[in-house]
Amino acid sequence: MNIRPQNVLIVGGSEGIGFSTAEELLKNGVRNIYIASRSMAKLERAAEKLRQQYAANIFFGSFDISNCSAHLSFLDSVKKEMGAIPDGLVISAGVHKDSGHWRGFNMSEADWDLVINTNLKGVFFLIRNYSNWMIRAKARGNICVVSSQAARRDLLGAYQISKNAISGVIHAYGKHLFERGITLNGIEPGLVDTPMMSYFKGFTDGIREGKSFPDNSMHRLIRPEEIAGLICFLMSDASDVLSGTVLLANGGAKSIPR
């Protein structure tokens, strides 16, 4: 697989799907990776692990995607540190906080703002700010956004709303950006074995112990590296005809058709 971008910024890259994406990109020959998230401690551990395993340039920095006014200065700092413009952007940042269960109709305003500002507002403005930044630089770029199968399911709550909307953003702007040299695609994963699954404590523990898992046809959680492989595909020459596409990767789980 020939990965197009060779300088990739991964937002949400300290763990889970984002970290696995860094590993898969490195396995496929990318040699400049910048991982970003809110937690410096997690970033330091992740960067050290990558440096021990791969002969590559690993950069990292703290970044809050919900702070939209800081996006451009952050992109400038990434370019300066990497010594090259990041021609690939993976957005795997996200939070889930629906007041103890999926159907968070009575969630607090603060929790609503946290989820929407991170999963929707922050992601949309980073797509926009990165794209305009690349267009001004007359550079080509490739963006891959991690959404969720929640976008297609009747789960209710701010998480579903945010993911449904961000999948819509990808569909709405894929053609517009493609005409300007920016490829925009996304993935809607099913339940993936990541730290976010701690939200379902008890349910996922039973799955890991080999108990029944009716959510998909594989009868198990999806592995982060399986989603990371699809992200690599969307950043490769094998996906040159795709933009504005959102892949559903949920192991055959039932979903609401689009």
Foldseek 3Di string as FASTA:
>chain_A
DAFDWQAEEEEVQLWFLNVLLVVVVQVVPRAHYEYEEQDPVSVVVSQVVCVVPGNHHYHYDYDQLLPLVCLVVVQVVSCVVRVHRGQEYEYPDFADDLPLFLANPVDDPVRLCVHQSRLAVSVLSNVVVSLVVCLVVLHAHEYEYEAALLCFAPRHDSNNVSSVVVLVVQLVCFVVSVVSRYAYEYEHEYAEPIPNCVSVPPVLVCQVVPDADPQAPVRHHHYSNVVSVVVSCSSRPVNVVDGSYYHYHYRHGDGHDD
